[in-house]
Amino acid sequence: MTASTTAKPGFVLKGWHVAVILVTFFVAVFSVDGLMMYRAYSTFPGEVVAKPYEEGLGFNGEIHRRAAAKALGWKATLLDSRANGHVRLVLSVNDKDGQPVKGLHFTGALTRAVTTQGAETLHIAETAPGVYETTATGGSGLFDFNAKAQGAGGKVFEVEQRLVWQ
């Protein structure tokens, strides 16, 4: 008499296995997506100005102010240097003939490009004819330098420059 041996079949993929694999996959994907959305919204609320609609409406006035400043023909050069955790900014302003523009009263700010965190108001003073200086505590990263000057005769001059520090 011969004994017949029946081999036990190996693993067989069944419908419920596929369902568990699919559900596990999508739970993992949605969990990672949810975590990423939470981190994105919690680190940046998305609003840089308090009233963006009104700011947008006033932009035509901004365009006219910039055109008037450009018509003056003044040129500005901004030099920056970092030491001991501080940034020294030197702004030179010359008129269209290359002569230094003296007696401007600047107000300025150093801000991050996409958030209001770390914004710093700058006190810019004239240290030589046409040369204006300030110091800031700007760290590493991307910054926007914005300064506005009121000159004699109501002339307004604006300087904007993007800075990258490491």
Protein backbone atom coordinates (compact mmCIF):
# COMPACT_ATOMS: atom_id res chain seq x y z
CA MET A 1 0.00 0.00 0.00
CA THR A 2 1.29 3.36 -0.94
CA ALA A 3 0.74 6.36 1.11
CA SER A 4 -0.33 9.32 -0.82
CA THR A 5 0.99 12.54 0.45
CA THR A 6 -0.83 15.71 -0.26
CA ALA A 7 1.34 18.79 -0.26
CA LYS A 8 -0.03 21.73 1.60
CA PRO A 9 -0.43 24.65 -0.82
CA GLY A 10 1.73 27.78 -0.25
CA PHE A 11 0.40 31.25 0.43
CA VAL A 12 -2.61 32.14 -1.65
CA LEU A 13 -3.49 35.81 -2.13
CA LYS A 14 -7.17 36.21 -1.42
CA GLY A 15 -9.56 39.11 -1.83
CA TRP A 16 -9.48 40.13 1.81
CA HIS A 17 -5.65 40.34 1.65
CA VAL A 18 -5.89 42.81 -1.23
CA ALA A 19 -8.50 44.84 0.66
CA VAL A 20 -6.27 45.06 3.76
CA ILE A 21 -3.26 46.08 1.64
CA LEU A 22 -5.26 48.83 -0.13
CA VAL A 23 -6.78 50.19 3.08
CA THR A 24 -3.37 50.19 4.81
CA PHE A 25 -1.78 52.00 1.86
CA PHE A 26 -4.40 54.75 1.76
CA VAL A 27 -4.39 55.19 5.55
CA ALA A 28 -0.62 55.71 5.39
CA VAL A 29 -0.90 58.21 2.51
CA PHE A 30 -3.69 60.22 4.18
CA SER A 31 -1.82 60.22 7.50
CA VAL A 32 1.33 61.64 5.92
CA ASP A 33 -0.68 64.19 3.92
CA GLY A 34 -2.58 65.25 7.04
CA LEU A 35 0.65 65.65 9.02
CA MET A 36 2.20 67.74 6.23
CA MET A 37 -0.89 69.98 6.00
CA TYR A 38 -0.93 70.48 9.76
CA ARG A 39 2.77 71.41 9.80
CA ALA A 40 2.33 73.80 6.85
CA TYR A 41 -0.64 75.64 8.33
CA SER A 42 0.77 75.78 11.85
CA THR A 43 4.10 77.30 10.75
CA PHE A 44 2.74 79.92 8.34
CA PRO A 45 -0.82 81.28 8.57
CA GLY A 46 -0.67 82.60 5.00
CA GLU A 47 -1.45 86.25 5.69
CA VAL A 48 1.32 88.83 5.61
CA VAL A 49 -0.77 92.02 5.63
CA ALA A 50 -3.81 92.60 7.80
CA LYS A 51 -6.06 93.90 4.99
CA PRO A 52 -4.86 92.41 1.69
CA TYR A 53 -7.84 93.60 -0.36
CA GLU A 54 -7.42 97.24 0.67
CA GLU A 55 -3.67 96.92 0.15
CA GLY A 56 -4.30 95.74 -3.40
CA LEU A 57 -6.65 98.64 -4.14
CA GLY A 58 -4.00 101.11 -3.01
CA PHE A 59 -1.35 99.64 -5.28
CA ASN A 60 -2.08 102.12 -8.10
CA GLY A 61 -0.95 104.91 -5.78
CA GLU A 62 2.19 102.88 -5.08
CA ILE A 63 2.88 102.63 -8.83
CA HIS A 64 2.57 106.42 -9.18
CA ARG A 65 4.90 107.03 -6.21
CA ARG A 66 7.51 104.68 -7.67
CA ALA A 67 7.29 106.39 -11.08
CA ALA A 68 7.81 109.80 -9.45
CA ALA A 69 10.85 108.49 -7.54
CA LYS A 70 12.28 106.98 -10.73
CA ALA A 71 11.83 110.31 -12.51
CA LEU A 72 14.22 111.92 -10.02
CA GLY A 73 17.03 109.85 -11.52
CA TRP A 74 18.57 109.09 -8.13
CA LYS A 75 20.60 105.91 -7.76
CA ALA A 76 21.12 103.95 -4.56
CA THR A 77 23.80 101.41 -3.73
CA LEU A 78 23.40 99.15 -0.70
CA LEU A 79 26.41 97.37 0.78
CA ASP A 80 26.10 94.89 3.62
CA SER A 81 28.61 93.29 5.97
CA ARG A 82 28.10 90.85 8.82
CA ALA A 83 30.09 90.51 12.01
CA ASN A 84 29.33 89.22 15.51
CA GLY A 85 25.69 88.44 14.71
CA HIS A 86 24.93 91.95 13.44
CA VAL A 87 24.55 93.31 9.95
CA ARG A 88 25.88 96.72 8.92
CA LEU A 89 24.06 98.27 5.99
CA VAL A 90 25.57 101.22 4.12
CA LEU A 91 23.34 103.02 1.63
CA SER A 92 24.84 105.51 -0.81
CA VAL A 93 22.46 107.81 -2.71
CA ASN A 94 23.54 109.85 -5.74
CA ASP A 95 21.53 112.13 -8.01
CA LYS A 96 21.36 111.80 -11.80
CA ASP A 97 24.65 113.75 -12.11
CA GLY A 98 26.44 111.40 -9.69
CA GLN A 99 26.52 113.91 -6.82
CA PRO A 100 25.66 112.70 -3.31
CA VAL A 101 22.11 113.43 -2.15
CA LYS A 102 22.39 114.99 1.30
CA GLY A 103 19.86 115.53 4.07
CA LEU A 104 17.46 112.66 3.44
CA HIS A 105 15.46 111.34 6.37
CA PHE A 106 15.04 107.60 5.91
CA THR A 107 12.62 105.24 7.57
CA GLY A 108 13.31 101.60 6.88
CA ALA A 109 12.63 98.00 7.68
CA LEU A 110 14.29 94.65 7.26
CA THR A 111 11.72 91.90 6.78
CA ARG A 112 11.53 88.27 5.79
CA ALA A 113 10.28 87.68 2.29
CA VAL A 114 7.19 85.63 3.19
CA THR A 115 6.35 86.28 6.83
CA THR A 116 6.18 89.07 9.36
CA GLN A 117 8.25 87.14 11.90
CA GLY A 118 11.66 88.68 12.48
CA ALA A 119 10.73 92.06 10.99
CA GLU A 120 12.99 94.83 12.23
CA THR A 121 12.55 98.60 12.06
CA LEU A 122 15.77 100.30 11.02
CA HIS A 123 17.09 103.65 12.26
CA ILE A 124 19.03 104.98 9.28
CA ALA A 125 21.32 107.95 9.84
CA GLU A 126 23.46 110.02 7.49
CA THR A 127 27.15 109.44 8.34
CA ALA A 128 28.69 111.32 5.40
CA PRO A 129 27.26 113.38 2.53
CA GLY A 130 24.95 111.00 0.66
CA VAL A 131 25.94 107.99 2.83
CA TYR A 132 23.40 106.51 5.23
CA GLU A 133 24.08 103.69 7.68
CA THR A 134 22.23 101.36 10.01
CA THR A 135 22.76 98.12 11.88
CA ALA A 136 20.41 95.16 12.23
CA THR A 137 20.31 91.77 13.89
CA GLY A 138 19.32 89.94 10.71
CA GLY A 139 20.08 86.24 10.88
CA SER A 140 20.66 83.89 8.02
CA GLY A 141 18.20 83.52 5.18
CA LEU A 142 16.29 85.68 2.74
CA PHE A 143 15.48 89.28 3.71
CA ASP A 144 13.95 92.34 2.07
CA PHE A 145 15.44 95.76 2.77
CA ASN A 146 12.93 98.58 2.33
CA ALA A 147 13.71 102.23 2.98
CA LYS A 148 11.82 105.40 2.19
CA ALA A 149 13.26 108.89 2.35
CA GLN A 150 11.68 112.28 2.47
CA GLY A 151 13.85 114.94 0.89
CA ALA A 152 13.74 118.67 0.35
CA GLY A 153 10.76 119.91 -1.61
CA GLY A 154 8.67 116.86 -0.67
CA LYS A 155 10.68 114.52 -2.91
CA VAL A 156 10.15 110.90 -1.94
CA PHE A 157 12.77 108.25 -2.68
CA GLU A 158 12.38 104.53 -2.06
CA VAL A 159 14.96 101.75 -1.98
CA GLU A 160 14.11 98.06 -2.09
CA GLN A 161 16.63 95.25 -2.23
CA ARG A 162 16.51 91.51 -1.54
CA LEU A 163 19.37 90.20 0.58
CA VAL A 164 20.55 86.64 1.19
CA TRP A 165 22.70 85.84 4.20
CA GLN A 166 24.11 82.49 5.28
